[in-house]
N, C-alpha and C. Protein backbone atom coordinates (compact mmCIF):
# COMPACT_ATOMS: atom_id res chain seq x y z
N VAL A 1 0.76 -1.27 -0.03
CA VAL A 1 -0.07 -0.23 -0.29
C VAL A 1 0.86 1.39 0.13
N GLN A 2 0.63 2.39 -1.23
CA GLN A 2 1.61 3.55 -1.05
C GLN A 2 0.30 4.39 -0.55
N LEU A 3 0.76 5.50 0.26
CA LEU A 3 -0.09 6.24 0.71
C LEU A 3 0.94 7.70 0.66
N GLN A 4 -0.12 8.96 -0.42
CA GLN A 4 0.51 10.13 -0.74
C GLN A 4 -0.13 11.08 -0.22
N ALA A 5 0.23 11.98 0.53
CA ALA A 5 -0.18 12.77 1.48
C ALA A 5 0.13 14.40 1.01
N SER A 6 -1.06 15.15 0.77
CA SER A 6 -0.46 16.08 0.31
C SER A 6 -1.46 17.40 1.04
N GLY A 7 -1.45 19.15 0.48
CA GLY A 7 -2.39 19.77 1.15
C GLY A 7 -1.71 20.76 2.14
N GLY A 8 -0.34 20.29 2.49
CA GLY A 8 -0.07 21.26 3.67
C GLY A 8 0.35 22.45 3.17
N GLY A 9 0.99 23.58 4.26
CA GLY A 9 1.27 24.66 3.67
C GLY A 9 1.52 25.60 4.96
N LEU A 10 1.49 26.95 4.82
CA LEU A 10 1.44 28.17 5.57
C LEU A 10 0.30 28.39 5.88
N VAL A 11 -0.36 28.44 6.95
CA VAL A 11 -1.57 29.40 6.95
C VAL A 11 -1.51 30.26 8.23
N GLN A 12 -1.93 31.45 8.42
CA GLN A 12 -2.09 32.03 9.55
C GLN A 12 -2.99 31.43 10.70
N ALA A 13 -2.90 31.68 12.14
CA ALA A 13 -4.13 31.09 12.74
C ALA A 13 -5.27 31.76 12.92
N GLY A 14 -6.09 31.09 12.73
CA GLY A 14 -7.58 31.12 12.72
C GLY A 14 -8.04 30.54 11.16
N GLY A 15 -7.15 30.13 10.34
CA GLY A 15 -7.06 29.55 9.05
C GLY A 15 -7.78 28.10 8.98
N SER A 16 -7.96 27.57 7.80
CA SER A 16 -7.65 26.20 7.34
C SER A 16 -7.35 25.83 6.23
N LEU A 17 -6.81 24.57 6.43
CA LEU A 17 -6.38 23.58 5.35
C LEU A 17 -7.05 22.29 5.41
N ARG A 18 -6.98 21.86 3.73
CA ARG A 18 -7.61 20.73 4.14
C ARG A 18 -6.46 19.66 3.39
N LEU A 19 -6.09 18.61 4.26
CA LEU A 19 -4.99 17.68 3.64
C LEU A 19 -5.96 16.76 2.88
N SER A 20 -4.76 16.10 1.72
CA SER A 20 -5.48 14.69 1.46
C SER A 20 -4.63 14.02 1.43
N CYS A 21 -5.03 12.34 1.43
CA CYS A 21 -3.96 11.09 1.34
C CYS A 21 -4.68 10.27 0.48
N ALA A 22 -3.85 10.26 -0.67
CA ALA A 22 -4.40 9.05 -1.86
C ALA A 22 -3.64 7.51 -1.56
N ALA A 23 -4.43 6.53 -1.78
CA ALA A 23 -4.14 5.35 -1.67
C ALA A 23 -3.74 4.76 -2.89
N SER A 24 -3.06 3.66 -2.98
CA SER A 24 -2.46 2.68 -4.20
C SER A 24 -3.27 1.41 -4.04
N ALA A 25 -3.88 1.26 -2.64
CA ALA A 25 -4.54 0.05 -2.40
C ALA A 25 -5.86 -0.03 -3.12
N ARG A 26 -6.02 -1.37 -3.51
CA ARG A 26 -7.26 -1.86 -4.43
C ARG A 26 -8.26 -2.03 -3.27
N MET A 27 -7.81 -2.89 -2.34
CA MET A 27 -8.78 -2.73 -1.02
C MET A 27 -9.09 -1.82 0.13
N PHE A 28 -8.62 -0.35 -0.29
CA PHE A 28 -8.93 0.77 0.64
C PHE A 28 -9.72 0.68 1.38
N SER A 29 -11.08 0.35 1.10
CA SER A 29 -12.34 0.06 2.13
C SER A 29 -12.10 -0.63 2.89
N SER A 30 -11.18 -1.56 2.99
CA SER A 30 -10.70 -2.16 3.90
C SER A 30 -10.22 -1.70 4.99
N TYR A 31 -9.59 -0.79 5.08
CA TYR A 31 -8.51 -0.29 5.97
C TYR A 31 -9.25 0.86 6.86
N GLU A 32 -8.73 0.65 7.96
CA GLU A 32 -9.35 1.83 8.77
C GLU A 32 -7.95 3.27 8.68
N MET A 33 -8.41 4.54 8.54
CA MET A 33 -7.39 5.42 8.06
C MET A 33 -7.00 5.97 9.15
N GLY A 34 -5.59 6.88 9.40
CA GLY A 34 -5.99 7.62 10.55
C GLY A 34 -4.68 8.58 9.89
N TRP A 35 -4.99 9.67 10.96
CA TRP A 35 -3.83 11.02 10.57
C TRP A 35 -3.22 10.87 11.75
N PHE A 36 -2.17 11.32 12.13
CA PHE A 36 -0.90 11.34 13.00
C PHE A 36 -0.22 12.89 12.42
N ARG A 37 0.63 13.52 13.61
CA ARG A 37 1.32 14.50 13.28
C ARG A 37 2.39 14.16 14.07
N GLN A 38 3.78 14.98 13.61
CA GLN A 38 4.88 15.01 14.34
C GLN A 38 5.34 16.40 14.70
N ALA A 39 5.89 17.20 15.46
CA ALA A 39 6.28 18.41 15.50
C ALA A 39 7.83 18.50 16.08
N PRO A 40 8.77 19.08 15.57
CA PRO A 40 10.03 19.04 15.95
C PRO A 40 10.17 18.76 17.04
N GLY A 41 11.32 17.74 17.37
CA GLY A 41 11.39 17.38 18.95
C GLY A 41 10.52 16.76 19.73
N LYS A 42 9.65 16.20 19.20
CA LYS A 42 8.34 15.31 19.77
C LYS A 42 7.99 14.46 18.93
N GLU A 43 7.49 13.66 20.11
CA GLU A 43 6.75 12.08 19.50
C GLU A 43 6.01 12.27 18.25
N ARG A 44 5.69 11.05 17.83
CA ARG A 44 4.16 11.59 16.53
C ARG A 44 3.20 11.10 17.56
N GLU A 45 2.26 12.04 17.00
CA GLU A 45 1.07 11.68 18.25
C GLU A 45 -0.31 11.58 17.27
N PHE A 46 -1.30 11.15 17.80
CA PHE A 46 -2.51 10.43 16.96
C PHE A 46 -3.23 12.00 16.92
N VAL A 47 -4.11 12.09 15.50
CA VAL A 47 -4.67 13.15 15.51
C VAL A 47 -6.25 12.89 15.26
N ALA A 48 -6.39 11.86 13.90
CA ALA A 48 -7.90 11.53 14.09
C ALA A 48 -7.93 10.00 13.35
N ALA A 49 -8.59 9.48 13.51
CA ALA A 49 -9.06 8.03 12.62
C ALA A 49 -10.46 8.21 12.42
N VAL A 50 -10.33 6.97 11.26
CA VAL A 50 -11.71 6.72 10.46
C VAL A 50 -12.32 5.40 10.28
N THR A 51 -12.84 4.88 10.47
CA THR A 51 -13.29 3.46 10.26
C THR A 51 -13.61 3.15 8.53
N TYR A 52 -13.61 1.59 8.38
CA TYR A 52 -13.27 1.41 7.05
C TYR A 52 -14.52 2.17 6.01
N ASN A 53 -15.47 2.20 6.72
CA ASN A 53 -16.94 2.40 6.18
C ASN A 53 -17.44 4.00 6.02
N GLY A 54 -16.25 4.75 6.95
CA GLY A 54 -16.65 5.76 7.38
C GLY A 54 -17.62 6.24 8.38
N GLY A 55 -17.79 5.31 8.93
CA GLY A 55 -18.99 5.45 9.97
C GLY A 55 -18.86 5.91 11.24
N THR A 56 -17.47 5.36 11.47
CA THR A 56 -16.97 6.12 13.17
C THR A 56 -16.01 7.03 12.75
N SER A 57 -15.63 7.96 13.42
CA SER A 57 -14.27 8.60 13.39
C SER A 57 -14.14 9.39 15.24
N TYR A 58 -13.12 9.20 15.51
CA TYR A 58 -12.46 9.65 16.87
C TYR A 58 -11.25 10.92 16.49
N TYR A 59 -11.07 11.44 17.56
CA TYR A 59 -9.99 12.63 17.50
C TYR A 59 -9.42 12.80 18.93
N GLU A 60 -8.50 13.17 18.64
CA GLU A 60 -7.02 13.79 19.73
C GLU A 60 -8.40 14.88 20.26
N ASP A 61 -7.98 14.92 21.74
CA ASP A 61 -8.79 15.87 22.21
C ASP A 61 -8.49 17.19 21.59
N SER A 62 -7.85 17.43 21.76
CA SER A 62 -7.18 19.39 21.15
C SER A 62 -8.02 19.45 19.85
N VAL A 63 -8.10 18.48 19.03
CA VAL A 63 -8.60 18.80 17.74
C VAL A 63 -9.92 18.65 17.60
N LYS A 64 -10.84 18.39 18.82
CA LYS A 64 -12.61 18.18 18.35
C LYS A 64 -12.69 19.13 18.17
N GLY A 65 -13.73 19.42 17.29
CA GLY A 65 -14.41 20.27 17.03
C GLY A 65 -14.15 21.31 16.29
N ARG A 66 -12.64 21.00 16.02
CA ARG A 66 -11.78 21.83 15.03
C ARG A 66 -11.79 21.02 13.24
N PHE A 67 -10.94 19.63 13.60
CA PHE A 67 -10.49 18.84 12.30
C PHE A 67 -11.86 18.23 12.05
N ASN A 68 -11.78 17.74 10.87
CA ASN A 68 -12.99 16.53 10.73
C ASN A 68 -12.45 15.51 9.47
N ILE A 69 -12.47 14.41 9.88
CA ILE A 69 -11.96 13.00 8.95
C ILE A 69 -12.86 12.82 8.35
N SER A 70 -12.31 12.41 7.23
CA SER A 70 -13.26 11.83 6.32
C SER A 70 -12.68 10.93 4.83
N ARG A 71 -13.37 10.22 4.51
CA ARG A 71 -12.96 9.39 3.20
C ARG A 71 -14.10 9.19 2.29
N ASP A 72 -13.41 9.19 0.83
CA ASP A 72 -14.06 8.69 -0.48
C ASP A 72 -13.19 7.45 -0.91
N ASN A 73 -14.07 6.36 -0.55
CA ASN A 73 -13.83 4.90 -1.01
C ASN A 73 -13.80 4.80 -2.21
N THR A 74 -14.40 5.18 -3.13
CA THR A 74 -14.55 5.26 -4.57
C THR A 74 -13.17 6.02 -5.10
N ARG A 75 -12.86 7.30 -4.14
CA ARG A 75 -11.27 7.44 -4.79
C ARG A 75 -10.34 7.07 -3.83
N SER A 76 -10.44 6.26 -3.24
CA SER A 76 -9.43 5.88 -2.26
C SER A 76 -8.48 6.58 -1.76
N THR A 77 -9.14 8.05 -0.89
CA THR A 77 -8.48 8.99 -0.39
C THR A 77 -9.28 9.15 0.97
N VAL A 78 -8.37 9.73 1.91
CA VAL A 78 -8.85 9.93 3.03
C VAL A 78 -8.31 11.54 3.67
N TYR A 79 -9.20 12.42 3.94
CA TYR A 79 -9.16 13.64 4.16
C TYR A 79 -9.16 14.03 5.66
N LEU A 80 -8.40 15.32 5.73
CA LEU A 80 -8.33 15.89 7.00
C LEU A 80 -8.79 17.42 7.22
N GLN A 81 -10.00 17.91 7.38
CA GLN A 81 -9.92 19.17 7.47
C GLN A 81 -9.78 19.90 8.65
N MET A 82 -8.63 20.95 8.57
CA MET A 82 -8.51 21.28 9.68
C MET A 82 -8.74 22.99 9.77
N ASN A 83 -9.87 23.41 10.80
CA ASN A 83 -10.49 24.69 10.87
C ASN A 83 -9.71 25.35 12.15
N ARG A 84 -9.87 26.43 12.36
CA ARG A 84 -9.44 27.19 13.38
C ARG A 84 -8.00 27.07 13.66
N LEU A 85 -7.10 26.83 12.98
CA LEU A 85 -5.59 26.12 13.27
C LEU A 85 -5.47 27.20 14.00
N LYS A 86 -4.09 26.59 14.91
CA LYS A 86 -3.70 27.28 15.90
C LYS A 86 -1.89 27.16 15.58
N PRO A 87 -1.07 27.74 15.97
CA PRO A 87 0.28 27.65 15.95
C PRO A 87 0.58 26.32 16.92
N GLU A 88 0.19 25.60 17.37
CA GLU A 88 0.70 24.53 18.15
C GLU A 88 0.04 23.52 17.40
N ASP A 89 -0.42 23.61 16.15
CA ASP A 89 -1.27 22.90 15.75
C ASP A 89 0.06 22.25 14.20
N THR A 90 1.10 22.96 14.47
CA THR A 90 2.19 23.22 13.54
C THR A 90 3.22 21.87 13.46
N ALA A 91 3.25 20.90 12.45
CA ALA A 91 3.73 19.75 12.88
C ALA A 91 3.75 19.13 11.29
N VAL A 92 4.46 17.74 10.92
CA VAL A 92 4.47 17.36 10.05
C VAL A 92 3.40 16.57 9.86
N TYR A 93 2.41 16.02 8.97
CA TYR A 93 1.27 15.06 9.41
C TYR A 93 1.22 14.09 8.33
N PHE A 94 0.90 12.90 8.86
CA PHE A 94 1.16 12.01 8.35
C PHE A 94 -0.20 10.93 8.34
N CYS A 95 -0.48 10.45 6.79
CA CYS A 95 -1.94 9.61 6.82
C CYS A 95 -1.16 8.08 6.94
N ALA A 96 -2.05 7.50 7.67
CA ALA A 96 -1.61 5.93 7.87
C ALA A 96 -2.81 4.92 7.61
N ALA A 97 -2.09 3.60 7.25
CA ALA A 97 -3.38 2.69 7.31
C ALA A 97 -3.39 1.31 7.78
N SER A 98 -4.45 0.92 8.51
CA SER A 98 -4.44 -0.48 9.40
C SER A 98 -5.27 -1.36 9.08
N PHE A 99 -5.00 -2.32 8.59
CA PHE A 99 -5.89 -3.49 8.40
C PHE A 99 -5.99 -4.35 9.67
N SER A 100 -5.76 -3.82 10.57
CA SER A 100 -6.16 -4.94 11.81
C SER A 100 -6.77 -3.45 12.82
N GLY A 101 -7.76 -2.87 12.33
CA GLY A 101 -8.08 -2.21 12.91
C GLY A 101 -8.07 -0.83 13.42
N GLY A 102 -6.69 -0.45 13.28
CA GLY A 102 -6.35 1.03 13.53
C GLY A 102 -6.35 1.57 14.92
N GLY A 103 -6.52 2.59 16.02
CA GLY A 103 -6.32 3.03 17.34
C GLY A 103 -5.74 4.28 17.06
N ARG A 104 -5.35 4.54 18.31
CA ARG A 104 -4.53 5.87 18.58
C ARG A 104 -2.93 5.79 18.42
N ARG A 105 -3.06 4.76 18.37
CA ARG A 105 -1.35 4.50 18.41
C ARG A 105 -0.36 4.17 17.07
N PRO A 106 0.56 4.63 17.28
CA PRO A 106 1.33 4.77 15.47
C PRO A 106 1.76 2.97 15.12
N SER A 107 1.71 2.10 16.46
CA SER A 107 2.23 0.80 16.02
C SER A 107 0.85 -0.13 15.53
N GLU A 108 -0.19 0.73 15.49
CA GLU A 108 -1.41 -0.31 15.25
C GLU A 108 -1.51 0.11 13.88
N TYR A 109 -1.06 0.93 13.27
CA TYR A 109 -0.86 1.04 11.67
C TYR A 109 0.15 0.54 11.03
N ASP A 110 -0.19 0.14 9.64
CA ASP A 110 0.79 -1.15 9.20
C ASP A 110 1.87 -0.05 7.71
N PHE A 111 0.67 0.86 7.16
CA PHE A 111 1.47 1.78 6.36
C PHE A 111 1.28 3.21 6.49
N TRP A 112 2.40 3.76 5.84
CA TRP A 112 2.30 5.29 6.32
C TRP A 112 2.90 6.01 5.06
N GLY A 113 2.34 6.88 5.18
CA GLY A 113 2.63 8.21 3.40
C GLY A 113 3.62 9.04 4.07
N GLN A 114 4.29 9.81 3.15
CA GLN A 114 5.57 10.39 3.50
C GLN A 114 5.43 11.66 4.50
N GLY A 115 4.06 12.52 4.47
CA GLY A 115 3.91 13.52 5.40
C GLY A 115 3.64 14.83 4.74
N THR A 116 3.26 15.57 5.34
CA THR A 116 2.60 16.73 4.51
C THR A 116 3.40 17.41 5.59
N GLU A 117 3.69 18.93 5.59
CA GLU A 117 4.27 20.11 6.53
C GLU A 117 2.69 20.80 6.81
N VAL A 118 2.67 21.06 7.86
CA VAL A 118 1.95 21.99 8.25
C VAL A 118 2.31 22.94 9.16
N THR A 119 2.33 24.33 8.84
CA THR A 119 2.69 25.46 9.64
C THR A 119 2.00 26.41 9.79
N VAL A 120 1.68 26.55 11.09
CA VAL A 120 0.56 27.75 11.34
C VAL A 120 1.35 29.17 11.79
N SER A 121 1.16 30.11 11.48
CA SER A 121 1.78 31.43 11.99
C SER A 121 0.57 32.06 12.90
N SER A 122 1.45 33.02 13.97
CA SER A 122 0.52 33.61 14.84
C SER A 122 0.23 34.77 14.77
């Protein structure tokens, strides 16, 4: 499975960005998909995940109400809509795929994209 993340960039605080992650997998609809982020000098942390059919999504507390994860299985793509961005959201964002149910830990994901950088200026 190859994952290609895109959509990062520089945005002012309060602004929005939409990240996309396109997957090469023919069985994309079988995978739980997640977004993680890693700020300089910090460990990779969970941001959001969505179940294989898009029926359930869950978020890290600091992004609840601001970020929305969704997926389009017809396009083998998962999205992360990020609104009301804050400087502390600055990080490299990674998408990941899990064929074992996913979760909030990086170890629960089997495939990773290359990351897309998000910088939020104050």
